[in-house]
Amino acid sequence: MRIALFTNTYLPTLNGVAIATDLYRRGLAERGHEVHVFAPAARGEDPFANDPSVHRYPSALMPGEVDYMVALPPPFSLRVSQELGGMQLDLVHTQHPWWVGAWGKNWARRRGLPVVSTAHTQYEQYADRIPLPDAWVEGAMVSHVTRYFNDCDVISTSANWMRQKLIDGHVRTPVELVRNPVDLSGLREPHREQTRARLGFDDDALVVGYLGRISPEKQLERVADAVAMLAEERAGARLLIVGDGSATDALREYAAARLGDRAVFTGAVPHGEVAHYHAAMDVFATASRSETQPLAYTEAMYVGTPVVALATPRAADMIADGDNGLLVEPDLGARGIAAAIERVLVDSDLTQRLRRGGRHFAESCHYPAVAERLEEVYALAVERNQARLRA
């Protein structure tokens, strides 16, 4: 098949959607498909500058973000429109229900092509970023997303809770489960000791870490609070934050007040090095409520780092409590996170069970397996589109 992936974010920007989109591309290409990506232009050097399958819209930096680029509307991107107009595609797969995703969906519909869209997150969680009453924004977002998805042939999502939410929200289009892909091949030889030494951790350090985008909805202050609680009894307790984002400065200030020099911030790191940082952690901890199936959870599990997360429906979709991670009731907050981390540190049998279970789950998300599942979803989309055109 000749497939176009339309996304609002793509490498070298590092976030879950950008990485997943690239792994979709790689997995499908390895299975013999011709795959094109349409995305905003990168900030700085573009690793795909000479790749004819990656098409960049002119873009601008989103206010308040470090590296999240926003594509400029089609009137500013005549070259991309011309490239797209000359293609003979079989299917369009969008990663967002607006902006670049909407452009791709609308283009496909004008040409009678099947459309698949992936629901990566609960979009109304971001209503507070728009300077209008949250209730108005949330209602408008939900209404738009529902209309958008109902104009697609198939929706994919990585989470059962998201699938049910879409169905309950009157999305009539079939919603198929597809794991978020991860590339395990680069995670097989993590350098734990070398990375810890480079970061300045003593041999007896108990490192609680987080890797990913640093934004308000991640609630990483609660993780810092949990480490501060552990530090009252464990002199070696340390916090490791790997990544960058709009809330980095605020989190640095907060962690410095709570932990002093016990908190280490690395900034963004190349994706090829994330395994080393995951391995440097004794526990991966998060207090996020908004993600569907974070790639960082899967990567941590694969390298053997136990994951502690809040027991939200989205986390429970990938974490079986006591089997491949630990879930904390959200009402328990930082104290509950600290207690779960303490369980991992003192119970070696539990730790080994979490490592085995985490590895097994991660292997089911390896990107070649996800690409094979996408082929099934695309076949369903083609069938539904043909039926719609005949109607």
Protein backbone atom coordinates (compact mmCIF):
# COMPACT_ATOMS: atom_id res chain seq x y z
CA MET A 1 0.00 0.00 0.00
CA ARG A 2 0.92 3.67 -0.43
CA ILE A 3 0.23 5.27 2.94
CA ALA A 4 0.43 8.87 4.19
CA LEU A 5 0.86 9.61 7.91
CA PHE A 6 -0.26 13.13 8.90
CA THR A 7 1.00 14.34 12.28
CA ASN A 8 1.27 17.61 14.23
CA THR A 9 4.61 16.51 15.71
CA TYR A 10 7.51 14.44 14.42
CA LEU A 11 11.17 13.75 15.06
CA PRO A 12 13.51 15.32 16.06
CA THR A 13 10.87 16.59 18.52
CA LEU A 14 10.76 13.95 21.25
CA ASN A 15 7.33 13.00 22.51
CA GLY A 16 5.12 9.94 22.40
CA VAL A 17 3.22 10.82 19.22
CA ALA A 18 6.35 11.80 17.28
CA ILE A 19 8.13 8.58 18.21
CA ALA A 20 5.06 6.40 17.58
CA THR A 21 4.54 7.96 14.15
CA ASP A 22 8.14 7.25 13.17
CA LEU A 23 7.83 3.64 14.34
CA TYR A 24 4.62 3.24 12.34
CA ARG A 25 6.57 4.47 9.31
CA ARG A 26 9.51 2.15 9.92
CA GLY A 27 7.43 -0.91 10.67
CA LEU A 28 5.17 -0.48 7.65
CA ALA A 29 8.12 0.23 5.33
CA GLU A 30 9.88 -2.91 6.54
CA ARG A 31 6.75 -4.84 5.60
CA GLY A 32 6.97 -3.53 2.04
CA HIS A 33 4.64 -0.52 2.11
CA GLU A 34 5.44 2.91 0.66
CA VAL A 35 5.01 5.36 3.54
CA HIS A 36 5.06 9.16 3.50
CA VAL A 37 5.02 11.44 6.56
CA PHE A 38 3.53 14.95 6.54
CA ALA A 39 4.62 16.99 9.55
CA PRO A 40 5.72 20.46 10.70
CA ALA A 41 9.26 21.54 9.86
CA ALA A 42 11.77 20.76 12.57
CA ARG A 43 13.39 23.36 14.76
CA GLY A 44 17.08 23.36 13.91
CA GLU A 45 18.66 20.51 11.98
CA ASP A 46 16.25 18.11 10.31
CA PRO A 47 17.44 14.46 10.39
CA PHE A 48 15.10 13.74 7.44
CA ALA A 49 16.23 16.68 5.27
CA ASN A 50 17.28 14.33 2.45
CA ASP A 51 14.48 11.79 2.89
CA PRO A 52 11.93 12.13 0.05
CA SER A 53 9.30 10.31 2.13
CA VAL A 54 9.17 13.03 4.83
CA HIS A 55 7.33 16.19 3.80
CA ARG A 56 7.59 19.28 6.03
CA TYR A 57 5.09 22.11 6.39
CA PRO A 58 6.61 25.50 7.27
CA SER A 59 6.23 25.89 11.03
CA ALA A 60 6.61 28.15 14.06
CA LEU A 61 7.44 27.38 17.69
CA MET A 62 4.35 26.98 19.86
CA PRO A 63 4.34 29.69 22.56
CA GLY A 64 5.44 28.36 25.94
CA GLU A 65 7.04 25.22 24.50
CA VAL A 66 10.69 24.26 24.08
CA ASP A 67 10.57 22.40 20.77
CA TYR A 68 6.93 21.79 19.81
CA MET A 69 6.55 23.19 16.30
CA VAL A 70 3.17 24.19 14.82
CA ALA A 71 2.62 23.81 11.08
CA LEU A 72 1.56 26.95 9.22
CA PRO A 73 -1.70 26.62 7.25
CA PRO A 74 -1.72 25.40 3.63
CA PRO A 75 -1.50 28.91 2.06
CA PHE A 76 2.06 29.02 3.44
CA SER A 77 2.96 25.54 2.20
CA LEU A 78 2.44 25.51 -1.56
CA ARG A 79 5.38 23.14 -2.08
CA VAL A 80 3.94 20.49 0.25
CA SER A 81 0.52 20.83 -1.36
CA GLN A 82 2.07 20.28 -4.76
CA GLU A 83 3.96 17.20 -3.54
CA LEU A 84 0.79 15.77 -2.06
CA GLY A 85 -1.22 16.54 -5.19
CA GLY A 86 1.20 14.50 -7.30
CA MET A 87 0.88 11.35 -5.19
CA GLN A 88 -1.20 8.27 -5.83
CA LEU A 89 -2.01 7.16 -2.30
CA ASP A 90 -4.12 4.25 -1.06
CA LEU A 91 -4.81 5.37 2.52
CA VAL A 92 -4.35 8.28 4.92
CA HIS A 93 -3.58 7.74 8.62
CA THR A 94 -3.85 10.84 10.83
CA GLN A 95 -2.42 11.22 14.32
CA HIS A 96 -4.52 14.21 15.46
CA PRO A 97 -8.12 15.40 14.98
CA TRP A 98 -7.11 18.92 13.96
CA TRP A 99 -4.50 20.99 12.15
CA VAL A 100 -2.21 18.69 10.13
CA GLY A 101 -4.46 15.73 10.92
CA ALA A 102 -7.53 17.61 9.67
CA TRP A 103 -5.72 18.67 6.50
CA GLY A 104 -4.86 15.05 5.77
CA LYS A 105 -8.34 13.77 6.50
CA ASN A 106 -10.00 16.44 4.36
CA TRP A 107 -7.58 15.80 1.48
CA ALA A 108 -8.30 12.07 1.62
CA ARG A 109 -12.05 12.55 1.73
CA ARG A 110 -11.99 14.80 -1.36
CA ARG A 111 -10.26 11.96 -3.20
CA GLY A 112 -12.38 9.11 -1.87
CA LEU A 113 -9.51 7.53 0.08
CA PRO A 114 -9.89 5.52 3.31
CA VAL A 115 -8.96 7.34 6.51
CA VAL A 116 -7.63 5.88 9.76
CA SER A 117 -7.05 8.14 12.77
CA THR A 118 -5.32 7.33 16.06
CA ALA A 119 -6.63 8.68 19.37
CA HIS A 120 -3.39 9.24 21.26
CA THR A 121 -4.74 11.10 24.29
CA GLN A 122 -7.76 12.63 26.03
CA TYR A 123 -7.69 15.98 24.26
CA GLU A 124 -9.95 17.91 26.65
CA GLN A 125 -7.26 17.49 29.33
CA TYR A 126 -5.46 20.35 27.58
CA ALA A 127 -8.37 22.80 27.70
CA ASP A 128 -6.59 24.97 30.28
CA ARG A 129 -4.05 26.00 27.63
CA ILE A 130 -6.71 28.07 25.85
CA PRO A 131 -7.61 31.40 27.55
CA LEU A 132 -11.35 30.73 27.71
CA PRO A 133 -13.55 29.08 30.37
CA ASP A 134 -12.52 25.43 30.65
CA ALA A 135 -16.10 24.15 30.38
CA TRP A 136 -16.59 25.91 27.04
CA VAL A 137 -13.30 24.68 25.66
CA GLU A 138 -13.79 21.10 26.84
CA GLY A 139 -17.28 20.97 25.32
CA ALA A 140 -16.05 22.33 22.00
CA MET A 141 -13.11 19.91 21.95
CA VAL A 142 -15.27 16.88 22.66
CA SER A 143 -17.80 17.90 20.00
CA HIS A 144 -15.08 18.46 17.38
CA VAL A 145 -13.27 15.20 18.15
CA THR A 146 -16.52 13.23 17.90
CA ARG A 147 -17.41 14.76 14.53
CA TYR A 148 -13.89 14.23 13.25
CA PHE A 149 -13.70 10.58 14.24
CA ASN A 150 -17.14 9.90 12.80
CA ASP A 151 -15.85 11.12 9.43
CA CYS A 152 -13.07 8.48 9.47
CA ASP A 153 -13.30 4.83 8.47
CA VAL A 154 -11.52 3.32 11.49
CA ILE A 155 -10.14 4.74 14.76
CA SER A 156 -7.21 3.12 16.53
CA THR A 157 -6.18 3.62 20.13
CA SER A 158 -3.80 1.89 22.48
CA ALA A 159 -6.12 1.84 25.49
CA ASN A 160 -9.34 0.06 26.40
CA TRP A 161 -10.48 3.00 28.51
CA MET A 162 -10.07 5.35 25.54
CA ARG A 163 -11.93 2.97 23.26
CA GLN A 164 -14.86 2.84 25.69
CA LYS A 165 -14.79 6.60 26.20
CA LEU A 166 -15.05 7.20 22.45
CA ILE A 167 -17.91 4.72 22.13
CA ASP A 168 -19.74 6.26 25.11
CA GLY A 169 -19.13 9.69 23.53
CA HIS A 170 -21.11 8.71 20.42
CA VAL A 171 -18.22 7.84 18.12
CA ARG A 172 -19.89 5.45 15.67
CA THR A 173 -16.75 4.60 13.70
CA PRO A 174 -15.18 1.24 14.70
CA VAL A 175 -12.48 1.71 17.36
CA GLU A 176 -9.66 -0.85 17.17
CA LEU A 177 -6.98 -1.50 19.80
CA VAL A 178 -3.39 -1.08 18.58
CA ARG A 179 -0.46 -1.00 21.00
CA ASN A 180 1.78 2.06 21.04
CA PRO A 181 4.92 0.88 19.23
CA VAL A 182 8.37 0.85 20.76
CA ASP A 183 11.71 -0.04 19.23
CA LEU A 184 13.26 -2.59 21.56
CA SER A 185 16.29 -3.24 19.39
CA GLY A 186 18.17 -0.22 20.74
CA LEU A 187 17.38 -0.99 24.38
CA ARG A 188 19.15 -4.31 24.72
CA GLU A 189 22.46 -3.24 26.25
CA PRO A 190 21.79 -0.44 28.74
CA HIS A 191 24.80 1.00 30.57
CA ARG A 192 23.55 1.31 34.13
CA GLU A 193 26.73 1.76 36.12
CA GLN A 194 28.47 4.03 33.61
CA THR A 195 25.40 6.28 33.39
CA ARG A 196 25.00 6.50 37.16
CA ALA A 197 28.66 7.37 37.56
CA ARG A 198 28.44 10.05 34.86
CA LEU A 199 25.44 11.58 36.64
CA GLY A 200 27.34 11.68 39.92
CA PHE A 201 25.34 9.07 41.84
CA ASP A 202 27.12 7.19 44.60
CA ASP A 203 27.02 3.39 44.67
CA ASP A 204 24.44 3.48 47.47
CA ALA A 205 22.15 6.01 45.73
CA LEU A 206 18.49 4.99 45.40
CA VAL A 207 17.46 6.71 42.20
CA VAL A 208 13.80 7.49 41.52
CA GLY A 209 13.43 8.80 38.00
CA TYR A 210 11.16 10.09 35.28
CA LEU A 211 11.85 10.31 31.54
CA GLY A 212 9.64 12.22 29.12
CA ARG A 213 8.10 15.58 28.39
CA ILE A 214 7.98 17.90 31.41
CA SER A 215 4.60 19.59 31.37
CA PRO A 216 2.05 20.57 34.05
CA GLU A 217 -0.25 17.57 33.55
CA LYS A 218 2.58 15.18 34.46
CA GLN A 219 2.35 16.42 38.10
CA LEU A 220 6.03 15.72 38.67
CA GLU A 221 6.00 17.84 41.82
CA ARG A 222 4.27 14.87 43.48
CA VAL A 223 7.20 12.64 42.49
CA ALA A 224 9.62 15.18 43.98
CA ASP A 225 7.52 15.17 47.15
CA ALA A 226 7.67 11.37 47.26
CA VAL A 227 11.47 11.39 46.99
CA ALA A 228 11.65 14.01 49.74
CA MET A 229 9.62 11.68 51.97
CA LEU A 230 11.92 8.76 51.19
CA ALA A 231 14.96 10.93 51.90
CA GLU A 232 13.80 11.36 55.51
CA GLU A 233 14.77 7.72 56.11
CA ARG A 234 17.08 6.99 53.17
CA ALA A 235 20.08 9.26 52.84
CA GLY A 236 20.80 7.92 49.36
CA ALA A 237 17.42 8.87 47.85
CA ARG A 238 17.84 10.88 44.64
CA LEU A 239 15.51 12.27 41.95
CA LEU A 240 16.49 11.98 38.27
CA ILE A 241 14.48 13.95 35.69
CA VAL A 242 15.30 13.24 32.04
CA GLY A 243 13.61 15.40 29.43
CA ASP A 244 12.44 18.94 28.82
CA GLY A 245 9.25 20.89 28.37
CA SER A 246 7.20 23.93 29.31
CA ALA A 247 7.23 23.13 33.05
CA THR A 248 10.99 22.45 33.37
CA ASP A 249 11.96 25.72 35.08
CA ALA A 250 9.09 25.53 37.56
CA LEU A 251 9.92 21.91 38.39
CA ARG A 252 13.63 22.72 38.85
CA GLU A 253 12.73 25.44 41.32
CA TYR A 254 10.30 23.19 43.17
CA ALA A 255 12.74 20.26 43.33
CA ALA A 256 15.55 22.51 44.53
CA ALA A 257 13.38 23.74 47.40
CA ARG A 258 12.32 20.20 48.37
CA LEU A 259 15.48 18.24 47.64
CA GLY A 260 18.43 20.58 47.12
CA ASP A 261 21.25 18.80 45.32
CA ARG A 262 19.42 15.45 45.55
CA ALA A 263 17.62 16.34 42.29
CA VAL A 264 19.41 15.92 38.94
CA PHE A 265 18.02 17.29 35.66
CA THR A 266 19.63 16.11 32.41
CA GLY A 267 17.51 17.97 29.87
CA ALA A 268 16.47 16.21 26.66
CA VAL A 269 18.60 13.26 25.58
CA PRO A 270 18.82 11.48 22.19
CA HIS A 271 16.28 8.71 21.91
CA GLY A 272 19.08 6.22 21.27
CA GLU A 273 20.32 6.85 24.82
CA VAL A 274 17.09 6.56 26.79
CA ALA A 275 17.78 2.94 27.78
CA HIS A 276 20.89 4.03 29.70
CA TYR A 277 18.91 6.58 31.70
CA HIS A 278 16.06 4.16 32.41
CA ALA A 279 18.61 1.61 33.60
CA ALA A 280 20.22 4.21 35.88
CA MET A 281 16.95 4.42 37.80
CA ASP A 282 15.93 2.02 40.55
CA VAL A 283 12.27 2.99 40.03
CA PHE A 284 10.47 4.92 37.29
CA ALA A 285 7.75 7.05 38.91
CA THR A 286 5.06 9.29 37.51
CA ALA A 287 1.92 11.06 38.71
CA SER A 288 0.43 11.72 35.26
CA ARG A 289 -3.31 11.40 34.68
CA SER A 290 -3.58 12.21 30.97
CA GLU A 291 -1.63 9.75 28.81
CA THR A 292 -2.95 6.64 27.08
CA GLN A 293 0.02 4.27 26.78
CA PRO A 294 3.26 6.19 27.37
CA LEU A 295 6.29 4.91 25.49
CA ALA A 296 8.48 5.69 28.49
CA TYR A 297 6.61 3.13 30.61
CA THR A 298 7.24 0.42 28.03
CA GLU A 299 10.91 1.35 27.64
CA ALA A 300 11.45 1.32 31.39
CA MET A 301 9.78 -2.09 31.68
CA TYR A 302 11.95 -3.55 28.92
CA VAL A 303 15.24 -2.55 30.54
CA GLY A 304 14.06 -3.90 33.90
CA THR A 305 13.15 -0.71 35.77
CA PRO A 306 9.97 -1.15 37.86
CA VAL A 307 7.25 1.41 37.11
CA VAL A 308 5.12 3.16 39.75
CA ALA A 309 2.12 5.15 38.44
CA LEU A 310 -1.23 6.47 39.57
CA ALA A 311 -4.09 3.98 39.24
CA THR A 312 -5.97 5.80 36.52
CA PRO A 313 -7.88 3.85 33.84
CA ARG A 314 -5.23 4.78 31.28
CA ALA A 315 -2.35 3.47 33.42
CA ALA A 316 -4.29 0.31 34.28
CA ASP A 317 -4.53 -0.46 30.56
CA MET A 318 -0.84 -1.30 30.52
CA ILE A 319 0.09 -1.89 34.16
CA ALA A 320 -1.23 -4.96 35.97
CA ASP A 321 -0.65 -4.07 39.62
CA GLY A 322 1.93 -6.37 41.17
CA ASP A 323 2.72 -8.08 37.86
CA ASN A 324 4.51 -5.57 35.62
CA GLY A 325 4.31 -2.44 37.79
CA LEU A 326 2.65 -0.88 40.83
CA LEU A 327 -0.45 1.32 40.80
CA VAL A 328 -1.18 3.94 43.46
CA GLU A 329 -4.65 5.27 44.25
CA PRO A 330 -4.64 8.90 43.10
CA ASP A 331 -6.06 10.15 46.39
CA LEU A 332 -2.93 8.90 48.17
CA GLY A 333 -0.80 11.35 46.21
CA ALA A 334 2.90 11.66 46.97
CA ARG A 335 2.64 9.58 50.14
CA GLY A 336 1.20 6.66 48.18
CA ILE A 337 3.90 6.99 45.51
CA ALA A 338 6.58 6.98 48.22
CA ALA A 339 5.07 3.87 49.82
CA ALA A 340 4.99 2.01 46.50
CA ILE A 341 8.62 2.94 45.78
CA GLU A 342 9.58 1.70 49.24
CA ARG A 343 7.92 -1.65 48.48
CA VAL A 344 10.11 -2.05 45.41
CA LEU A 345 13.25 -1.12 47.33
CA VAL A 346 12.71 -3.59 50.20
CA ASP A 347 11.03 -6.58 48.48
CA SER A 348 13.46 -8.27 46.10
CA ASP A 349 10.93 -10.94 45.10
CA LEU A 350 8.45 -8.25 44.09
CA THR A 351 11.14 -6.42 42.16
CA GLN A 352 12.05 -9.52 40.16
CA ARG A 353 8.39 -10.26 39.43
CA LEU A 354 7.86 -6.71 38.16
CA ARG A 355 10.94 -6.99 35.95
CA ARG A 356 9.78 -10.26 34.38
CA GLY A 357 6.24 -9.02 33.84
CA GLY A 358 7.45 -5.70 32.48
CA ARG A 359 9.73 -7.38 29.96
CA HIS A 360 6.91 -9.61 28.71
CA PHE A 361 4.55 -6.67 28.24
CA ALA A 362 7.18 -4.58 26.47
CA GLU A 363 7.94 -7.32 23.96
CA SER A 364 4.28 -7.30 22.87
CA CYS A 365 4.74 -3.64 21.86
CA HIS A 366 7.78 -4.12 19.60
CA TYR A 367 7.11 -2.06 16.46
CA PRO A 368 7.13 -4.92 13.88
CA ALA A 369 4.24 -6.56 15.75
CA VAL A 370 2.39 -3.23 15.85
CA ALA A 371 2.90 -2.74 12.09
CA GLU A 372 1.37 -6.14 11.44
CA ARG A 373 -1.65 -5.12 13.53
CA LEU A 374 -1.92 -1.86 11.58
CA GLU A 375 -2.23 -3.84 8.36
CA GLU A 376 -5.38 -5.45 9.77
CA VAL A 377 -6.78 -2.05 10.71
CA TYR A 378 -5.99 -0.65 7.25
CA ALA A 379 -7.72 -3.59 5.56
CA LEU A 380 -10.86 -2.85 7.59
CA ALA A 381 -10.65 0.85 6.65
CA VAL A 382 -10.39 0.00 2.93
CA GLU A 383 -13.40 -2.30 3.19
CA ARG A 384 -15.50 0.32 5.00
CA ASN A 385 -14.48 3.09 2.60
CA GLN A 386 -15.44 0.99 -0.41
CA ALA A 387 -18.83 0.28 1.17
CA ARG A 388 -19.33 3.99 1.87
CA LEU A 389 -18.49 4.92 -1.74
CA ARG A 390 -20.96 2.31 -3.04
CA ALA A 391 -23.76 3.54 -0.79
